[in-house]
C-alpha atoms as a PDB file:
ATOM      1  CA  MET A   1      22.586  17.020  28.011  1.00  0.00           C
ATOM      2  CA  THR A   2      24.337  19.280  30.625  1.00  0.00           C
ATOM      3  CA  CYS A   3      21.595  21.391  31.989  1.00  0.00           C
ATOM      4  CA  ARG A   4      22.335  24.690  34.312  1.00  0.00           C
ATOM      5  CA  TYR A   5      18.845  25.749  34.552  1.00  0.00           C
ATOM      6  CA  SER A   6      17.062  25.792  37.905  1.00  0.00           C
ATOM      7  CA  MET A   7      14.075  23.622  39.029  1.00  0.00           C
ATOM      8  CA  LEU A   8      12.081  24.460  42.168  1.00  0.00           C
ATOM      9  CA  ILE A   9      10.354  21.290  43.529  1.00  0.00           C
ATOM     10  CA  GLN A  10       7.613  21.933  46.212  1.00  0.00           C
ATOM     11  CA  TRP A  11       4.854  19.806  47.781  1.00  0.00           C
ATOM     12  CA  SER A  12       1.371  20.976  46.908  1.00  0.00           C
ATOM     13  CA  ASP A  13      -1.509  19.921  49.352  1.00  0.00           C
ATOM     14  CA  GLU A  14      -3.883  21.231  46.927  1.00  0.00           C
ATOM     15  CA  ASP A  15      -2.726  19.171  44.034  1.00  0.00           C
ATOM     16  CA  ALA A  16      -1.503  16.149  46.364  1.00  0.00           C
ATOM     17  CA  ALA A  17       1.670  16.209  44.070  1.00  0.00           C
ATOM     18  CA  PHE A  18       5.260  17.594  43.998  1.00  0.00           C
ATOM     19  CA  VAL A  19       5.093  20.742  41.759  1.00  0.00           C
ATOM     20  CA  VAL A  20       8.090  21.679  39.682  1.00  0.00           C
ATOM     21  CA  THR A  21       8.639  25.269  38.585  1.00  0.00           C
ATOM     22  CA  LEU A  22      11.035  26.172  35.944  1.00  0.00           C
ATOM     23  CA  PRO A  23      11.774  29.959  36.663  1.00  0.00           C
ATOM     24  CA  GLU A  24      14.196  30.844  33.872  1.00  0.00           C
ATOM     25  CA  PHE A  25      11.410  29.604  31.528  1.00  0.00           C
ATOM     26  CA  HIS A  26       8.650  32.124  32.671  1.00  0.00           C
ATOM     27  CA  GLY A  27       7.708  29.837  35.643  1.00  0.00           C
ATOM     28  CA  CYS A  28       6.696  26.981  33.254  1.00  0.00           C
ATOM     29  CA  LYS A  29       5.341  24.072  35.540  1.00  0.00           C
ATOM     30  CA  THR A  30       5.044  20.375  35.673  1.00  0.00           C
ATOM     31  CA  HIS A  31       4.479  17.841  38.586  1.00  0.00           C
ATOM     32  CA  GLY A  32       4.933  14.261  39.822  1.00  0.00           C
ATOM     33  CA  ASP A  33       3.361  11.922  42.364  1.00  0.00           C
ATOM     34  CA  THR A  34       6.902  11.412  44.047  1.00  0.00           C
ATOM     35  CA  TYR A  35       9.951  13.911  44.334  1.00  0.00           C
ATOM     36  CA  GLU A  36      11.933  11.487  42.041  1.00  0.00           C
ATOM     37  CA  GLU A  37       9.074  11.545  39.355  1.00  0.00           C
ATOM     38  CA  ALA A  38       8.846  15.297  39.504  1.00  0.00           C
ATOM     39  CA  ALA A  39      12.469  15.856  39.101  1.00  0.00           C
ATOM     40  CA  ARG A  40      12.520  13.392  35.857  1.00  0.00           C
ATOM     41  CA  ASN A  41       9.428  15.473  34.680  1.00  0.00           C
ATOM     42  CA  GLY A  42      11.111  18.759  35.284  1.00  0.00           C
ATOM     43  CA  ARG A  43      14.215  17.665  33.295  1.00  0.00           C
ATOM     44  CA  GLU A  44      12.102  16.284  30.511  1.00  0.00           C
ATOM     45  CA  ALA A  45      10.233  19.559  30.478  1.00  0.00           C
ATOM     46  CA  LEU A  46      13.756  21.492  30.611  1.00  0.00           C
ATOM     47  CA  GLU A  47      14.960  19.391  27.631  1.00  0.00           C
ATOM     48  CA  SER A  48      11.789  19.896  25.491  1.00  0.00           C
ATOM     49  CA  LEU A  49      11.837  23.559  26.203  1.00  0.00           C
ATOM     50  CA  ILE A  50      15.516  23.938  25.142  1.00  0.00           C
ATOM     51  CA  GLU A  51      14.772  21.971  21.949  1.00  0.00           C
ATOM     52  CA  ALA A  52      11.795  23.969  21.058  1.00  0.00           C
ATOM     53  CA  TYR A  53      13.764  27.203  21.686  1.00  0.00           C
ATOM     54  CA  GLN A  54      16.418  26.105  19.312  1.00  0.00           C
ATOM     55  CA  ALA A  55      14.091  24.805  16.702  1.00  0.00           C
ATOM     56  CA  GLU A  56      12.255  28.220  16.656  1.00  0.00           C
ATOM     57  CA  GLY A  57      15.698  30.040  16.620  1.00  0.00           C
ATOM     58  CA  ARG A  58      14.843  31.762  19.936  1.00  0.00           C
ATOM     59  CA  PRO A  59      17.610  32.550  22.148  1.00  0.00           C
ATOM     60  CA  LEU A  60      17.788  30.441  25.560  1.00  0.00           C
ATOM     61  CA  PRO A  61      17.340  32.394  28.738  1.00  0.00           C
ATOM     62  CA  ASP A  62      20.478  32.889  30.814  1.00  0.00           C
ATOM     63  CA  PRO A  63      20.764  30.305  33.632  1.00  0.00           C
ATOM     64  CA  ALA A  64      20.187  31.771  37.081  1.00  0.00           C
ATOM     65  CA  LYS A  65      23.383  31.625  39.366  1.00  0.00           C
ATOM     66  CA  LEU A  66      23.340  30.892  43.020  1.00  0.00           C
ATOM     67  CA  GLY A  67      22.614  34.142  45.105  1.00  0.00           C
ATOM     68  CA  THR A  68      20.656  35.801  42.262  1.00  0.00           C
ATOM     69  CA  ALA A  69      16.979  36.053  42.042  1.00  0.00           C
ATOM     70  CA  VAL A  70      15.168  34.946  38.826  1.00  0.00           C
ATOM     71  CA  GLN A  71      12.129  37.397  37.940  1.00  0.00           C
ATOM     72  CA  VAL A  72       9.291  34.902  36.774  1.00  0.00           C
ATOM     73  CA  VAL A  73       6.904  37.005  34.366  1.00  0.00           C
END
């Protein structure tokens, strides 16, 4: 699946893990012990969110483009 949605991966000392934020999906989060695991988990979360939106007949959010801000509600 080609995915054009954003993933922000940041280290969290508090969680001792890499935290993944999915801005276009209202800041949904996941995590991983390594950067690679966090990226995999982020991609899986995006795929699950896309499938859920489609199953519910909800419109998908527009992917953010480089240079534009995404408002997380």
